[in-house]
Amino acid sequence: MRLMAMLCAGLMLGVPVFGQEQPGGAVSYARSVNAPLNALLLHDKAVEAWNWTFGREPGARIVSAERATRQFEGTARVNFRSAQLALREETMGSVQYRVVVFTRPGECRIQVTDLTHTGNRSTPRGGVHIGVLMRGEAPAKRPTGVGTGNAKRIHAEVKAVADTRIMALLQAFEARLRAQAEP
């Protein structure tokens, strides 16, 4: 009962309910924003909030937008460059992710999933690709040519960079949506 109350309170306040702190599985984020608008108007405001937040990220685009179903989906990426000296050029690349926004009367749900790191392919030794970012300490599959220890450190660094950027974007999206919903 107490857990259910915390989850409901987290959804109402826009706190991420699913984050990288949970063990196992891929990293994902979910937010719910309450606003006193009907579903279609909230959808339009969410698209505008996308344009001012996620839409300004590298490679951002809306893949599908269904006003009738009050849902849209987009992709973007976070550019990454390792602060570690070892494998700096090979790990430099991006973390591609998918954003799904769904609205219903008074509520807008945002999900960020499919965070995937791709390294720099143009280096002489080829890129180091971490792949899907996992909630645990190690990547789902150890990259070729990298030891387990380095793979874990790079995975943690990629996760930290992506987490910082995506959390900032989610907060900006929520703030923009709430500001637009005020009378």
Protein backbone atom coordinates (compact mmCIF):
# COMPACT_ATOMS: atom_id res chain seq x y z
CA MET A 1 0.00 0.00 0.00
CA ARG A 2 2.82 2.36 0.91
CA LEU A 3 4.67 1.55 -2.34
CA MET A 4 1.55 2.25 -4.39
CA ALA A 5 1.12 5.63 -2.68
CA MET A 6 4.75 6.53 -3.42
CA LEU A 7 4.38 5.54 -7.08
CA CYS A 8 1.19 7.58 -7.46
CA ALA A 9 2.80 10.58 -5.76
CA GLY A 10 5.87 10.23 -7.99
CA LEU A 11 3.74 10.17 -11.13
CA MET A 12 1.77 13.22 -10.03
CA LEU A 13 4.89 15.20 -9.21
CA GLY A 14 6.71 14.20 -12.40
CA VAL A 15 9.43 12.28 -10.57
CA PRO A 16 11.02 9.53 -12.65
CA VAL A 17 9.48 6.27 -11.54
CA PHE A 18 11.71 4.09 -13.67
CA GLY A 19 15.35 5.09 -13.77
CA GLN A 20 18.72 3.51 -13.96
CA GLU A 21 18.76 2.76 -10.22
CA GLN A 22 16.63 -0.38 -10.65
CA PRO A 23 18.66 -3.58 -11.15
CA GLY A 24 18.55 -5.44 -14.45
CA GLY A 25 17.15 -4.42 -17.80
CA ALA A 26 17.80 -1.50 -20.07
CA VAL A 27 17.92 2.11 -18.87
CA SER A 28 14.61 3.90 -19.37
CA TYR A 29 12.85 6.95 -17.99
CA ALA A 30 9.17 7.69 -17.47
CA ARG A 31 7.48 10.88 -16.39
CA SER A 32 3.91 11.96 -16.02
CA VAL A 33 2.92 15.62 -16.05
CA ASN A 34 -0.50 16.80 -14.93
CA ALA A 35 -1.99 19.85 -16.62
CA PRO A 36 -5.57 21.18 -16.65
CA LEU A 37 -6.14 20.78 -20.42
CA ASN A 38 -8.10 18.45 -22.66
CA ALA A 39 -6.17 15.70 -24.46
CA LEU A 40 -5.89 17.37 -27.89
CA LEU A 41 -4.83 20.74 -26.53
CA LEU A 42 -2.34 19.02 -24.24
CA HIS A 43 -1.02 17.06 -27.24
CA ASP A 44 -0.42 20.30 -29.15
CA LYS A 45 1.34 21.83 -26.14
CA ALA A 46 3.48 18.68 -25.78
CA VAL A 47 4.57 18.90 -29.43
CA GLU A 48 5.54 22.53 -28.85
CA ALA A 49 7.44 21.56 -25.67
CA TRP A 50 9.23 18.86 -27.72
CA ASN A 51 10.34 21.49 -30.23
CA TRP A 52 11.89 23.59 -27.45
CA THR A 53 13.59 20.72 -25.60
CA PHE A 54 14.25 17.35 -27.23
CA GLY A 55 13.74 18.86 -30.68
CA ARG A 56 16.87 20.97 -30.28
CA GLU A 57 19.12 18.00 -29.60
CA PRO A 58 21.46 16.59 -32.27
CA GLY A 59 19.64 14.41 -34.81
CA ALA A 60 16.23 15.11 -33.26
CA ARG A 61 13.17 14.38 -35.32
CA ILE A 62 9.59 13.35 -34.82
CA VAL A 63 9.15 9.90 -36.33
CA SER A 64 5.37 9.67 -36.05
CA ALA A 65 2.67 12.00 -34.79
CA GLU A 66 -0.92 10.91 -34.42
CA ARG A 67 -3.11 13.74 -33.19
CA ALA A 68 -6.16 11.47 -33.27
CA THR A 69 -4.51 8.99 -30.89
CA ARG A 70 -2.82 11.84 -28.98
CA GLN A 71 0.59 10.22 -29.28
CA PHE A 72 3.88 11.09 -30.95
CA GLU A 73 7.28 9.49 -31.10
CA GLY A 74 10.66 11.01 -31.75
CA THR A 75 14.34 10.20 -31.69
CA ALA A 76 17.40 12.21 -30.75
CA ARG A 77 20.92 11.63 -29.51
CA VAL A 78 23.42 12.74 -26.90
CA ASN A 79 26.94 13.24 -28.20
CA PHE A 80 29.58 11.50 -26.10
CA ARG A 81 33.32 11.88 -25.65
CA SER A 82 35.07 9.91 -22.95
CA ALA A 83 36.99 11.75 -20.28
CA GLN A 84 39.16 8.65 -19.85
CA LEU A 85 42.49 8.75 -21.64
CA ALA A 86 42.32 5.12 -22.81
CA LEU A 87 40.06 4.53 -25.81
CA ARG A 88 39.02 8.19 -25.98
CA GLU A 89 38.80 8.34 -29.78
CA GLU A 90 37.18 4.92 -30.15
CA THR A 91 34.39 5.57 -27.63
CA MET A 92 33.63 9.05 -28.90
CA GLY A 93 30.24 8.82 -30.53
CA SER A 94 26.63 9.19 -29.54
CA VAL A 95 23.82 7.71 -27.49
CA GLN A 96 20.69 7.41 -29.61
CA TYR A 97 17.36 7.29 -27.77
CA ARG A 98 13.62 7.15 -28.43
CA VAL A 99 10.98 9.41 -26.84
CA VAL A 100 7.28 8.50 -26.78
CA VAL A 101 4.75 11.10 -25.60
CA PHE A 102 1.13 10.17 -24.93
CA THR A 103 -1.57 12.55 -23.72
CA ARG A 104 -4.97 12.07 -22.22
CA PRO A 105 -7.22 14.60 -20.48
CA GLY A 106 -5.17 16.28 -17.76
CA GLU A 107 -2.06 14.09 -18.17
CA CYS A 108 0.97 13.85 -20.44
CA ARG A 109 3.21 10.77 -20.22
CA ILE A 110 6.78 10.83 -21.49
CA GLN A 111 8.93 7.72 -21.93
CA VAL A 112 12.57 7.73 -22.96
CA THR A 113 13.80 4.28 -24.00
CA ASP A 114 16.21 2.43 -26.28
CA LEU A 115 19.37 4.27 -25.19
CA THR A 116 22.09 2.83 -27.43
CA HIS A 117 25.75 3.92 -27.58
CA THR A 118 27.61 3.79 -30.88
CA GLY A 119 31.33 4.58 -30.91
CA ASN A 120 33.44 6.39 -33.49
CA ARG A 121 33.68 4.16 -36.58
CA SER A 122 36.28 6.31 -38.33
CA THR A 123 39.19 5.52 -35.99
CA PRO A 124 41.98 3.24 -37.23
CA ARG A 125 40.97 0.43 -34.84
CA GLY A 126 37.25 0.95 -35.31
CA GLY A 127 34.77 2.16 -32.74
CA VAL A 128 34.00 0.77 -29.32
CA HIS A 129 30.25 0.31 -29.20
CA ILE A 130 28.74 -0.20 -25.74
CA GLY A 131 25.34 -0.92 -27.25
CA VAL A 132 22.15 -0.77 -25.19
CA LEU A 133 22.74 0.98 -21.86
CA MET A 134 21.89 -1.30 -18.97
CA ARG A 135 20.85 -0.47 -15.40
CA GLY A 136 23.58 -2.68 -13.97
CA GLU A 137 27.30 -2.01 -13.88
CA ALA A 138 28.29 -3.88 -17.04
CA PRO A 139 27.13 -3.54 -20.63
CA ALA A 140 24.78 -6.21 -21.99
CA LYS A 141 27.56 -7.50 -24.23
CA ARG A 142 31.25 -6.75 -23.74
CA PRO A 143 32.57 -4.71 -26.69
CA THR A 144 35.19 -6.32 -28.90
CA GLY A 145 38.77 -5.41 -28.06
CA VAL A 146 38.03 -4.01 -24.59
CA GLY A 147 38.68 -5.64 -21.24
CA THR A 148 35.89 -6.18 -18.74
CA GLY A 149 37.14 -3.46 -16.38
CA ASN A 150 37.40 -0.83 -19.14
CA ALA A 151 34.02 -1.87 -20.54
CA LYS A 152 32.41 -1.31 -17.13
CA ARG A 153 34.10 2.10 -16.70
CA ILE A 154 33.12 3.24 -20.18
CA HIS A 155 29.57 1.95 -19.68
CA ALA A 156 29.28 3.87 -16.40
CA GLU A 157 30.63 7.03 -18.01
CA VAL A 158 28.28 6.81 -21.00
CA LYS A 159 25.33 6.21 -18.64
CA ALA A 160 26.28 9.20 -16.48
CA VAL A 161 26.53 11.55 -19.46
CA ALA A 162 23.24 10.32 -20.97
CA ASP A 163 21.47 10.41 -17.59
CA THR A 164 22.53 13.99 -16.91
CA ARG A 165 21.40 15.23 -20.32
CA ILE A 166 18.12 13.32 -20.47
CA MET A 167 17.11 14.31 -16.93
CA ALA A 168 17.76 17.97 -17.82
CA LEU A 169 15.65 17.60 -20.98
CA LEU A 170 12.81 15.93 -19.09
CA GLN A 171 12.80 18.72 -16.52
CA ALA A 172 12.82 21.37 -19.24
CA PHE A 173 10.02 19.56 -21.12
CA GLU A 174 7.92 19.39 -17.96
CA ALA A 175 8.55 23.05 -17.10
CA ARG A 176 7.71 24.18 -20.62
CA LEU A 177 4.51 22.11 -20.68
CA ARG A 178 3.39 23.40 -17.28
CA ALA A 179 4.12 27.02 -18.27
CA GLN A 180 2.07 26.64 -21.46
CA ALA A 181 -0.83 25.06 -19.57
CA GLU A 182 -1.24 28.01 -17.19
CA PRO A 183 -4.12 30.36 -18.02
